PDB file of all heavy atoms in Angstrom:
ATOM      1  N   ASP A   1     205.342  95.064-200.775  1.00  0.00           N
ATOM      2  CA  ASP A   1     206.154  93.934-201.091  1.00  0.00           C
ATOM      3  C   ASP A   1     206.216  92.940-200.028  1.00  0.00           C
ATOM      4  O   ASP A   1     205.784  93.218-198.842  1.00  0.00           O
ATOM      5  CB  ASP A   1     207.577  94.398-201.495  1.00  0.00           C
ATOM      6  CG  ASP A   1     207.630  95.247-202.747  1.00  0.00           C
ATOM      7  OD1 ASP A   1     207.598  94.729-203.854  1.00  0.00           O
ATOM      8  OD2 ASP A   1     207.687  96.502-202.572  1.00  0.00           O
ATOM      9  N   LEU A   2     206.793  91.746-200.275  1.00  0.00           N
ATOM     10  CA  LEU A   2     206.892  90.698-199.322  1.00  0.00           C
ATOM     11  C   LEU A   2     208.187  90.850-198.551  1.00  0.00           C
ATOM     12  O   LEU A   2     209.224  91.121-199.027  1.00  0.00           O
ATOM     13  CB  LEU A   2     206.882  89.305-200.037  1.00  0.00           C
ATOM     14  CG  LEU A   2     206.742  88.088-199.175  1.00  0.00           C
ATOM     15  CD1 LEU A   2     205.440  87.984-198.456  1.00  0.00           C
ATOM     16  CD2 LEU A   2     207.015  86.838-199.992  1.00  0.00           C
ATOM     17  N   ALA A   3     208.053  90.646-197.226  1.00  0.00           N
ATOM     18  CA  ALA A   3     209.227  90.826-196.390  1.00  0.00           C
ATOM     19  C   ALA A   3     209.089  89.641-195.295  1.00  0.00           C
ATOM     20  O   ALA A   3     208.098  88.937-195.194  1.00  0.00           O
ATOM     21  CB  ALA A   3     209.269  92.184-195.643  1.00  0.00           C
ATOM     22  N   GLY A   4     210.128  89.532-194.475  1.00  0.00           N
ATOM     23  CA  GLY A   4     210.067  88.448-193.418  1.00  0.00           C
ATOM     24  C   GLY A   4     210.815  88.860-192.215  1.00  0.00           C
ATOM     25  O   GLY A   4     211.405  89.847-192.066  1.00  0.00           O
ATOM     26  N   LEU A   5     210.815  87.924-191.283  1.00  0.00           N
ATOM     27  CA  LEU A   5     211.572  88.150-190.022  1.00  0.00           C
ATOM     28  C   LEU A   5     211.961  86.631-189.487  1.00  0.00           C
ATOM     29  O   LEU A   5     211.142  85.739-189.494  1.00  0.00           O
ATOM     30  CB  LEU A   5     210.775  88.802-188.924  1.00  0.00           C
ATOM     31  CG  LEU A   5     211.346  88.797-187.542  1.00  0.00           C
ATOM     32  CD1 LEU A   5     211.144  90.156-186.838  1.00  0.00           C
ATOM     33  CD2 LEU A   5     210.738  87.764-186.593  1.00  0.00           C
ATOM     34  N   VAL A   6     213.206  86.603-188.959  1.00  0.00           N
ATOM     35  CA  VAL A   6     213.740  85.409-188.240  1.00  0.00           C
ATOM     36  C   VAL A   6     214.289  85.967-187.047  1.00  0.00           C
ATOM     37  O   VAL A   6     215.296  86.749-187.055  1.00  0.00           O
ATOM     38  CB  VAL A   6     214.759  84.568-189.042  1.00  0.00           C
ATOM     39  CG1 VAL A   6     215.227  83.387-188.122  1.00  0.00           C
ATOM     40  CG2 VAL A   6     214.073  83.991-190.257  1.00  0.00           C
ATOM     41  N   GLU A   7     213.877  85.508-185.824  1.00  0.00           N
ATOM     42  CA  GLU A   7     214.300  85.978-184.544  1.00  0.00           C
ATOM     43  C   GLU A   7     214.710  84.766-183.693  1.00  0.00           C
ATOM     44  O   GLU A   7     213.985  83.891-183.551  1.00  0.00           O
ATOM     45  CB  GLU A   7     213.258  86.864-183.835  1.00  0.00           C
ATOM     46  CG  GLU A   7     213.683  87.394-182.501  1.00  0.00           C
ATOM     47  CD  GLU A   7     212.613  88.250-181.838  1.00  0.00           C
ATOM     48  OE1 GLU A   7     211.678  88.702-182.569  1.00  0.00           O
ATOM     49  OE2 GLU A   7     212.638  88.429-180.556  1.00  0.00           O
ATOM     50  N   MET A   8     215.962  84.800-183.165  1.00  0.00           N
ATOM     51  CA  MET A   8     216.468  83.742-182.376  1.00  0.00           C
ATOM     52  C   MET A   8     217.224  84.242-181.160  1.00  0.00           C
ATOM     53  O   MET A   8     217.729  85.369-181.230  1.00  0.00           O
ATOM     54  CB  MET A   8     217.359  82.785-183.189  1.00  0.00           C
ATOM     55  CG  MET A   8     216.708  82.070-184.281  1.00  0.00           C
ATOM     56  SD  MET A   8     215.588  80.779-183.764  1.00  0.00           S
ATOM     57  CE  MET A   8     216.640  79.646-182.925  1.00  0.00           C
ATOM     58  N   GLY A   9     217.137  83.537-180.125  1.00  0.00           N
ATOM     59  CA  GLY A   9     217.872  83.980-178.873  1.00  0.00           C
ATOM     60  C   GLY A   9     218.058  82.875-177.852  1.00  0.00           C
ATOM     61  O   GLY A   9     217.484  81.785-177.906  1.00  0.00           O
ATOM     62  N   ILE A  10     219.030  83.138-176.984  1.00  0.00           N
ATOM     63  CA  ILE A  10     219.232  82.209-175.811  1.00  0.00           C
ATOM     64  C   ILE A  10     218.968  83.107-174.532  1.00  0.00           C
ATOM     65  O   ILE A  10     219.055  84.296-174.575  1.00  0.00           O
ATOM     66  CB  ILE A  10     220.666  81.733-175.818  1.00  0.00           C
ATOM     67  CG1 ILE A  10     221.701  82.859-175.777  1.00  0.00           C
ATOM     68  CG2 ILE A  10     220.957  80.800-176.974  1.00  0.00           C
ATOM     69  CD1 ILE A  10     223.164  82.397-175.614  1.00  0.00           C
ATOM     70  N   PHE A  11     218.575  82.434-173.493  1.00  0.00           N
ATOM     71  CA  PHE A  11     218.236  83.119-172.205  1.00  0.00           C
ATOM     72  C   PHE A  11     218.461  82.270-171.023  1.00  0.00           C
ATOM     73  O   PHE A  11     218.622  81.057-171.149  1.00  0.00           O
ATOM     74  CB  PHE A  11     216.708  83.568-172.348  1.00  0.00           C
ATOM     75  CG  PHE A  11     215.791  82.407-172.139  1.00  0.00           C
ATOM     76  CD1 PHE A  11     215.349  81.977-170.957  1.00  0.00           C
ATOM     77  CD2 PHE A  11     215.370  81.702-173.307  1.00  0.00           C
ATOM     78  CE1 PHE A  11     214.458  80.881-170.834  1.00  0.00           C
ATOM     79  CE2 PHE A  11     214.535  80.652-173.267  1.00  0.00           C
ATOM     80  CZ  PHE A  11     213.997  80.270-171.970  1.00  0.00           C
ATOM     81  N   ALA A  12     218.542  82.908-169.890  1.00  0.00           N
ATOM     82  CA  ALA A  12     218.584  82.209-168.598  1.00  0.00           C
ATOM     83  C   ALA A  12     217.732  83.048-167.587  1.00  0.00           C
ATOM     84  O   ALA A  12     217.647  84.237-167.741  1.00  0.00           O
ATOM     85  CB  ALA A  12     220.019  82.076-168.093  1.00  0.00           C
ATOM     86  N   ASN A  13     217.202  82.430-166.572  1.00  0.00           N
ATOM     87  CA  ASN A  13     216.538  83.190-165.584  1.00  0.00           C
ATOM     88  C   ASN A  13     216.790  82.570-164.194  1.00  0.00           C
ATOM     89  O   ASN A  13     217.079  81.425-164.076  1.00  0.00           O
ATOM     90  CB  ASN A  13     215.038  83.273-165.849  1.00  0.00           C
ATOM     91  CG  ASN A  13     214.306  81.840-165.885  1.00  0.00           C
ATOM     92  OD1 ASN A  13     214.296  81.182-164.917  1.00  0.00           O
ATOM     93  ND2 ASN A  13     213.772  81.528-166.995  1.00  0.00           N
ATOM     94  N   TYR A  14     216.689  83.430-163.190  1.00  0.00           N
ATOM     95  CA  TYR A  14     216.949  83.067-161.788  1.00  0.00           C
ATOM     96  C   TYR A  14     215.760  83.471-160.949  1.00  0.00           C
ATOM     97  O   TYR A  14     215.411  84.629-160.977  1.00  0.00           O
ATOM     98  CB  TYR A  14     218.198  83.657-161.271  1.00  0.00           C
ATOM     99  CG  TYR A  14     218.551  83.390-159.862  1.00  0.00           C
ATOM    100  CD1 TYR A  14     219.069  82.167-159.539  1.00  0.00           C
ATOM    101  CD2 TYR A  14     218.243  84.329-158.866  1.00  0.00           C
ATOM    102  CE1 TYR A  14     219.350  81.819-158.159  1.00  0.00           C
ATOM    103  CE2 TYR A  14     218.473  83.985-157.450  1.00  0.00           C
ATOM    104  CZ  TYR A  14     219.077  82.807-157.229  1.00  0.00           C
ATOM    105  OH  TYR A  14     219.343  82.448-155.841  1.00  0.00           O
ATOM    106  N   GLN A  15     215.250  82.506-160.128  1.00  0.00           N
ATOM    107  CA  GLN A  15     214.096  82.783-159.339  1.00  0.00           C
ATOM    108  C   GLN A  15     214.477  83.418-158.003  1.00  0.00           C
ATOM    109  O   GLN A  15     215.182  82.845-157.289  1.00  0.00           O
ATOM    110  CB  GLN A  15     213.354  81.477-159.056  1.00  0.00           C
ATOM    111  CG  GLN A  15     211.911  81.574-158.667  1.00  0.00           C
ATOM    112  CD  GLN A  15     211.072  82.112-159.810  1.00  0.00           C
ATOM    113  OE1 GLN A  15     211.362  81.677-160.944  1.00  0.00           O
ATOM    114  NE2 GLN A  15     210.158  82.885-159.527  1.00  0.00           N
ATOM    115  N   VAL A  16     214.088  84.731-157.751  1.00  0.00           N
ATOM    116  CA  VAL A  16     214.426  85.310-156.608  1.00  0.00           C
ATOM    117  C   VAL A  16     213.412  84.975-155.506  1.00  0.00           C
ATOM    118  O   VAL A  16     213.880  84.523-154.359  1.00  0.00           O
ATOM    119  CB  VAL A  16     214.411  86.895-156.824  1.00  0.00           C
ATOM    120  CG1 VAL A  16     214.845  87.638-155.490  1.00  0.00           C
ATOM    121  CG2 VAL A  16     215.361  87.284-157.915  1.00  0.00           C
ATOM    122  N   VAL A  17     212.162  85.135-155.717  1.00  0.00           N
ATOM    123  CA  VAL A  17     211.045  84.709-154.876  1.00  0.00           C
ATOM    124  C   VAL A  17     210.091  84.090-155.806  1.00  0.00           C
ATOM    125  O   VAL A  17     210.190  84.203-157.002  1.00  0.00           O
ATOM    126  CB  VAL A  17     210.459  85.901-154.019  1.00  0.00           C
ATOM    127  CG1 VAL A  17     211.502  86.453-153.024  1.00  0.00           C
ATOM    128  CG2 VAL A  17     209.969  87.004-154.959  1.00  0.00           C
ATOM    129  N   PRO A  18     208.994  83.429-155.304  1.00  0.00           N
ATOM    130  CA  PRO A  18     208.061  82.835-156.176  1.00  0.00           C
ATOM    131  C   PRO A  18     207.475  83.717-157.213  1.00  0.00           C
ATOM    132  O   PRO A  18     207.094  83.117-158.296  1.00  0.00           O
ATOM    133  CB  PRO A  18     207.038  82.183-155.184  1.00  0.00           C
ATOM    134  CG  PRO A  18     207.691  81.980-153.910  1.00  0.00           C
ATOM    135  CD  PRO A  18     208.791  83.031-153.860  1.00  0.00           C
ATOM    136  N   SER A  19     207.313  84.906-156.969  1.00  0.00           N
ATOM    137  CA  SER A  19     206.647  85.749-157.946  1.00  0.00           C
ATOM    138  C   SER A  19     207.607  86.742-158.684  1.00  0.00           C
ATOM    139  O   SER A  19     207.122  87.628-159.485  1.00  0.00           O
ATOM    140  CB  SER A  19     205.556  86.608-157.271  1.00  0.00           C
ATOM    141  OG  SER A  19     204.516  85.796-156.787  1.00  0.00           O
ATOM    142  N   VAL A  20     208.901  86.623-158.514  1.00  0.00           N
ATOM    143  CA  VAL A  20     209.846  87.483-159.120  1.00  0.00           C
ATOM    144  C   VAL A  20     211.071  86.734-159.639  1.00  0.00           C
ATOM    145  O   VAL A  20     211.553  85.960-158.890  1.00  0.00           O
ATOM    146  CB  VAL A  20     210.345  88.638-158.164  1.00  0.00           C
ATOM    147  CG1 VAL A  20     211.413  89.483-158.879  1.00  0.00           C
ATOM    148  CG2 VAL A  20     209.192  89.475-157.671  1.00  0.00           C
ATOM    149  N   ARG A  21     211.371  86.965-160.878  1.00  0.00           N
ATOM    150  CA  ARG A  21     212.598  86.358-161.363  1.00  0.00           C
ATOM    151  C   ARG A  21     213.413  87.243-162.217  1.00  0.00           C
ATOM    152  O   ARG A  21     212.864  88.169-162.816  1.00  0.00           O
ATOM    153  CB  ARG A  21     212.295  84.994-162.131  1.00  0.00           C
ATOM    154  CG  ARG A  21     211.627  85.240-163.430  1.00  0.00           C
ATOM    155  CD  ARG A  21     211.437  83.947-164.163  1.00  0.00           C
ATOM    156  NE  ARG A  21     210.777  84.099-165.472  1.00  0.00           N
ATOM    157  CZ  ARG A  21     210.518  83.045-166.293  1.00  0.00           C
ATOM    158  NH1 ARG A  21     210.750  81.807-165.835  1.00  0.00           N
ATOM    159  NH2 ARG A  21     209.900  83.241-167.349  1.00  0.00           N
ATOM    160  N   LEU A  22     214.737  87.098-162.230  1.00  0.00           N
ATOM    161  CA  LEU A  22     215.633  87.912-163.096  1.00  0.00           C
ATOM    162  C   LEU A  22     215.969  87.161-164.294  1.00  0.00           C
ATOM    163  O   LEU A  22     216.066  85.914-164.329  1.00  0.00           O
ATOM    164  CB  LEU A  22     216.937  88.200-162.252  1.00  0.00           C
ATOM    165  CG  LEU A  22     216.759  88.960-160.979  1.00  0.00           C
ATOM    166  CD1 LEU A  22     218.105  89.131-160.328  1.00  0.00           C
ATOM    167  CD2 LEU A  22     216.020  90.222-161.096  1.00  0.00           C
ATOM    168  N   THR A  23     216.165  87.888-165.483  1.00  0.00           N
ATOM    169  CA  THR A  23     216.359  87.233-166.785  1.00  0.00           C
ATOM    170  C   THR A  23     217.582  87.909-167.372  1.00  0.00           C
ATOM    171  O   THR A  23     217.948  89.081-167.138  1.00  0.00           O
ATOM    172  CB  THR A  23     215.142  87.394-167.672  1.00  0.00           C
ATOM    173  OG1 THR A  23     214.968  88.789-167.988  1.00  0.00           O
ATOM    174  CG2 THR A  23     213.884  86.847-166.986  1.00  0.00           C
ATOM    175  N   ALA A  24     218.235  87.167-168.312  1.00  0.00           N
ATOM    176  CA  ALA A  24     219.316  87.666-169.136  1.00  0.00           C
ATOM    177  C   ALA A  24     219.422  86.845-170.434  1.00  0.00           C
ATOM    178  O   ALA A  24     218.926  85.692-170.462  1.00  0.00           O
ATOM    179  CB  ALA A  24     220.660  87.497-168.423  1.00  0.00           C
ATOM    180  N   GLY A  25     219.821  87.433-171.482  1.00  0.00           N
ATOM    181  CA  GLY A  25     219.844  86.695-172.761  1.00  0.00           C
ATOM    182  C   GLY A  25     220.608  87.506-173.858  1.00  0.00           C
ATOM    183  O   GLY A  25     221.144  88.588-173.642  1.00  0.00           O
ATOM    184  N   TYR A  26     220.724  86.887-175.041  1.00  0.00           N
ATOM    185  CA  TYR A  26     221.307  87.408-176.164  1.00  0.00           C
ATOM    186  C   TYR A  26     220.513  86.938-177.428  1.00  0.00           C
ATOM    187  O   TYR A  26     220.111  85.793-177.419  1.00  0.00           O
ATOM    188  CB  TYR A  26     222.750  87.115-176.324  1.00  0.00           C
ATOM    189  CG  TYR A  26     223.563  88.080-177.208  1.00  0.00           C
ATOM    190  CD1 TYR A  26     224.178  89.122-176.633  1.00  0.00           C
ATOM    191  CD2 TYR A  26     223.620  87.929-178.598  1.00  0.00           C
ATOM    192  CE1 TYR A  26     224.919  90.103-177.406  1.00  0.00           C
ATOM    193  CE2 TYR A  26     224.284  88.901-179.361  1.00  0.00           C
ATOM    194  CZ  TYR A  26     224.914  89.911-178.788  1.00  0.00           C
ATOM    195  OH  TYR A  26     225.650  90.812-179.462  1.00  0.00           O
ATOM    196  N   GLU A  27     220.277  87.830-178.346  1.00  0.00           N
ATOM    197  CA  GLU A  27     219.428  87.449-179.515  1.00  0.00           C
ATOM    198  C   GLU A  27     219.766  88.245-180.788  1.00  0.00           C
ATOM    199  O   GLU A  27     220.469  89.165-180.707  1.00  0.00           O
ATOM    200  CB  GLU A  27     217.994  87.688-179.193  1.00  0.00           C
ATOM    201  CG  GLU A  27     217.601  89.103-178.847  1.00  0.00           C
ATOM    202  CD  GLU A  27     216.212  89.237-178.240  1.00  0.00           C
ATOM    203  OE1 GLU A  27     215.976  88.848-177.118  1.00  0.00           O
ATOM    204  OE2 GLU A  27     215.312  89.667-178.970  1.00  0.00           O
ATOM    205  N   PHE A  28     219.124  87.862-181.894  1.00  0.00           N
ATOM    206  CA  PHE A  28     219.341  88.550-183.176  1.00  0.00           C
ATOM    207  C   PHE A  28     217.984  88.573-183.862  1.00  0.00           C
ATOM    208  O   PHE A  28     217.202  87.662-183.740  1.00  0.00           O
ATOM    209  CB  PHE A  28     220.457  87.941-183.963  1.00  0.00           C
ATOM    210  CG  PHE A  28     220.128  86.665-184.667  1.00  0.00           C
ATOM    211  CD1 PHE A  28     219.440  86.626-185.827  1.00  0.00           C
ATOM    212  CD2 PHE A  28     220.490  85.476-184.065  1.00  0.00           C
ATOM    213  CE1 PHE A  28     219.114  85.427-186.495  1.00  0.00           C
ATOM    214  CE2 PHE A  28     220.175  84.224-184.683  1.00  0.00           C
ATOM    215  CZ  PHE A  28     219.438  84.217-185.869  1.00  0.00           C
ATOM    216  N   MET A  29     217.875  89.539-184.779  1.00  0.00           N
ATOM    217  CA  MET A  29     216.709  89.652-185.674  1.00  0.00           C
ATOM    218  C   MET A  29     217.191  89.840-187.039  1.00  0.00           C
ATOM    219  O   MET A  29     218.027  90.783-187.309  1.00  0.00           O
ATOM    220  CB  MET A  29     215.740  90.850-185.354  1.00  0.00           C
ATOM    221  CG  MET A  29     215.158  90.771-183.964  1.00  0.00           C
ATOM    222  SD  MET A  29     214.081  92.177-183.676  1.00  0.00           S
ATOM    223  CE  MET A  29     213.919  92.054-181.835  1.00  0.00           C
ATOM    224  N   TYR A  30     216.770  89.034-187.960  1.00  0.00           N
ATOM    225  CA  TYR A  30     217.077  89.108-189.404  1.00  0.00           C
ATOM    226  C   TYR A  30     215.802  89.531-190.214  1.00  0.00           C
ATOM    227  O   TYR A  30     214.879  88.797-190.111  1.00  0.00           O
ATOM    228  CB  TYR A  30     217.563  87.785-189.891  1.00  0.00           C
ATOM    229  CG  TYR A  30     217.818  87.676-191.403  1.00  0.00           C
ATOM    230  CD1 TYR A  30     218.836  88.537-191.946  1.00  0.00           C
ATOM    231  CD2 TYR A  30     217.125  86.836-192.075  1.00  0.00           C
ATOM    232  CE1 TYR A  30     219.073  88.348-193.339  1.00  0.00           C
ATOM    233  CE2 TYR A  30     217.348  86.728-193.508  1.00  0.00           C
ATOM    234  CZ  TYR A  30     218.334  87.528-194.110  1.00  0.00           C
ATOM    235  OH  TYR A  30     218.558  87.444-195.462  1.00  0.00           O
ATOM    236  N   LEU A  31     215.828  90.666-190.918  1.00  0.00           N
ATOM    237  CA  LEU A  31     214.722  91.184-191.577  1.00  0.00           C
ATOM    238  C   LEU A  31     215.036  91.263-193.099  1.00  0.00           C
ATOM    239  O   LEU A  31     215.542  92.342-193.559  1.00  0.00           O
ATOM    240  CB  LEU A  31     214.342  92.541-191.050  1.00  0.00           C
ATOM    241  CG  LEU A  31     214.148  92.674-189.530  1.00  0.00           C
ATOM    242  CD1 LEU A  31     214.034  94.116-189.119  1.00  0.00           C
ATOM    243  CD2 LEU A  31     212.775  91.985-189.212  1.00  0.00           C
ATOM    244  N   PRO A  32     214.699  90.234-193.838  1.00  0.00           N
ATOM    245  CA  PRO A  32     214.867  90.382-195.312  1.00  0.00           C
ATOM    246  C   PRO A  32     213.702  91.012-195.937  1.00  0.00           C
ATOM    247  O   PRO A  32     212.625  91.079-195.501  1.00  0.00           O
ATOM    248  CB  PRO A  32     214.949  88.876-195.751  1.00  0.00           C
ATOM    249  CG  PRO A  32     214.057  88.190-194.750  1.00  0.00           C
ATOM    250  CD  PRO A  32     214.230  88.926-193.478  1.00  0.00           C
ATOM    251  N   GLY A  33     213.978  91.711-197.227  1.00  0.00           N
ATOM    252  CA  GLY A  33     212.932  92.290-197.948  1.00  0.00           C
ATOM    253  C   GLY A  33     212.566  93.715-197.422  1.00  0.00           C
ATOM    254  O   GLY A  33     211.446  94.203-197.721  1.00  0.00           O
ATOM    255  N   PHE A  34     213.513  94.433-196.765  1.00  0.00           N
ATOM    256  CA  PHE A  34     213.196  95.757-196.268  1.00  0.00           C
ATOM    257  C   PHE A  34     213.959  96.721-197.132  1.00  0.00           C
ATOM    258  O   PHE A  34     215.061  96.483-197.663  1.00  0.00           O
ATOM    259  CB  PHE A  34     213.608  95.898-194.823  1.00  0.00           C
ATOM    260  CG  PHE A  34     212.579  95.437-193.884  1.00  0.00           C
ATOM    261  CD1 PHE A  34     212.206  94.060-193.859  1.00  0.00           C
ATOM    262  CD2 PHE A  34     211.907  96.264-192.981  1.00  0.00           C
ATOM    263  CE1 PHE A  34     211.231  93.680-192.976  1.00  0.00           C
ATOM    264  CE2 PHE A  34     210.958  95.863-192.099  1.00  0.00           C
ATOM    265  CZ  PHE A  34     210.619  94.510-192.107  1.00  0.00           C
ATOM    266  N   ALA A  35     213.468  97.905-197.298  1.00  0.00           N
ATOM    267  CA  ALA A  35     214.050  99.024-197.993  1.00  0.00           C
ATOM    268  C   ALA A  35     214.931  99.832-197.091  1.00  0.00           C
ATOM    269  O   ALA A  35     214.597 100.141-195.957  1.00  0.00           O
ATOM    270  CB  ALA A  35     213.017  99.940-198.597  1.00  0.00           C
ATOM    271  N   THR A  36     216.102 100.163-197.626  1.00  0.00           N
ATOM    272  CA  THR A  36     217.190 100.918-196.802  1.00  0.00           C
ATOM    273  C   THR A  36     217.711 102.001-197.706  1.00  0.00           C
ATOM    274  O   THR A  36     217.580 101.911-198.967  1.00  0.00           O
ATOM    275  CB  THR A  36     218.362 100.056-196.328  1.00  0.00           C
ATOM    276  OG1 THR A  36     219.046  99.507-197.433  1.00  0.00           O
ATOM    277  CG2 THR A  36     217.742  98.866-195.538  1.00  0.00           C
ATOM    278  N   VAL A  37     218.300 103.001-197.148  1.00  0.00           N
ATOM    279  CA  VAL A  37     218.935 104.098-197.951  1.00  0.00           C
ATOM    280  C   VAL A  37     220.047 103.556-198.834  1.00  0.00           C
ATOM    281  O   VAL A  37     220.081 103.890-200.030  1.00  0.00           O
ATOM    282  CB  VAL A  37     219.440 105.231-197.015  1.00  0.00           C
ATOM    283  CG1 VAL A  37     220.284 106.249-197.810  1.00  0.00           C
ATOM    284  CG2 VAL A  37     218.241 105.907-196.347  1.00  0.00           C
ATOM    285  N   PRO A  38     220.995 102.817-198.316  1.00  0.00           N
ATOM    286  CA  PRO A  38     222.043 102.270-199.181  1.00  0.00           C
ATOM    287  C   PRO A  38     221.548 101.437-200.385  1.00  0.00           C
ATOM    288  O   PRO A  38     222.209 101.394-201.475  1.00  0.00           O
ATOM    289  CB  PRO A  38     222.980 101.453-198.295  1.00  0.00           C
ATOM    290  CG  PRO A  38     222.721 102.035-196.970  1.00  0.00           C
ATOM    291  CD  PRO A  38     221.309 102.392-196.942  1.00  0.00           C
ATOM    292  N   ASP A  39     220.342 100.774-200.294  1.00  0.00           N
ATOM    293  CA  ASP A  39     219.845  99.959-201.305  1.00  0.00           C
ATOM    294  C   ASP A  39     219.403 100.727-202.521  1.00  0.00           C
ATOM    295  O   ASP A  39     219.133 100.264-203.573  1.00  0.00           O
ATOM    296  CB  ASP A  39     218.758  99.074-200.732  1.00  0.00           C
ATOM    297  CG  ASP A  39     218.341  97.980-201.646  1.00  0.00           C
ATOM    298  OD1 ASP A  39     219.233  97.404-202.252  1.00  0.00           O
ATOM    299  OD2 ASP A  39     217.136  97.650-201.699  1.00  0.00           O
ATOM    300  N   GLN A  40     219.130 102.110-202.351  1.00  0.00           N
ATOM    301  CA  GLN A  40     218.595 102.836-203.403  1.00  0.00           C
ATOM    302  C   GLN A  40     219.717 103.274-204.413  1.00  0.00           C
ATOM    303  O   GLN A  40     219.231 103.787-205.548  1.00  0.00           O
ATOM    304  CB  GLN A  40     217.995 104.187-202.852  1.00  0.00           C
ATOM    305  CG  GLN A  40     216.998 103.924-201.769  1.00  0.00           C
ATOM    306  CD  GLN A  40     215.947 102.872-202.089  1.00  0.00           C
ATOM    307  OE1 GLN A  40     215.239 102.940-203.107  1.00  0.00           O
ATOM    308  NE2 GLN A  40     215.808 101.792-201.226  1.00  0.00           N
TER     309      GLN A  40
END
């Protein structure tokens, strides 16, 4: 069957040295068209 995905998020990063950076964020994933136990 046909299914889909929508993924969105926000993020920030901080440069420690030129080759290393730290990251943080928050996000969600929405998956329509999937089979689940309650749906049966």
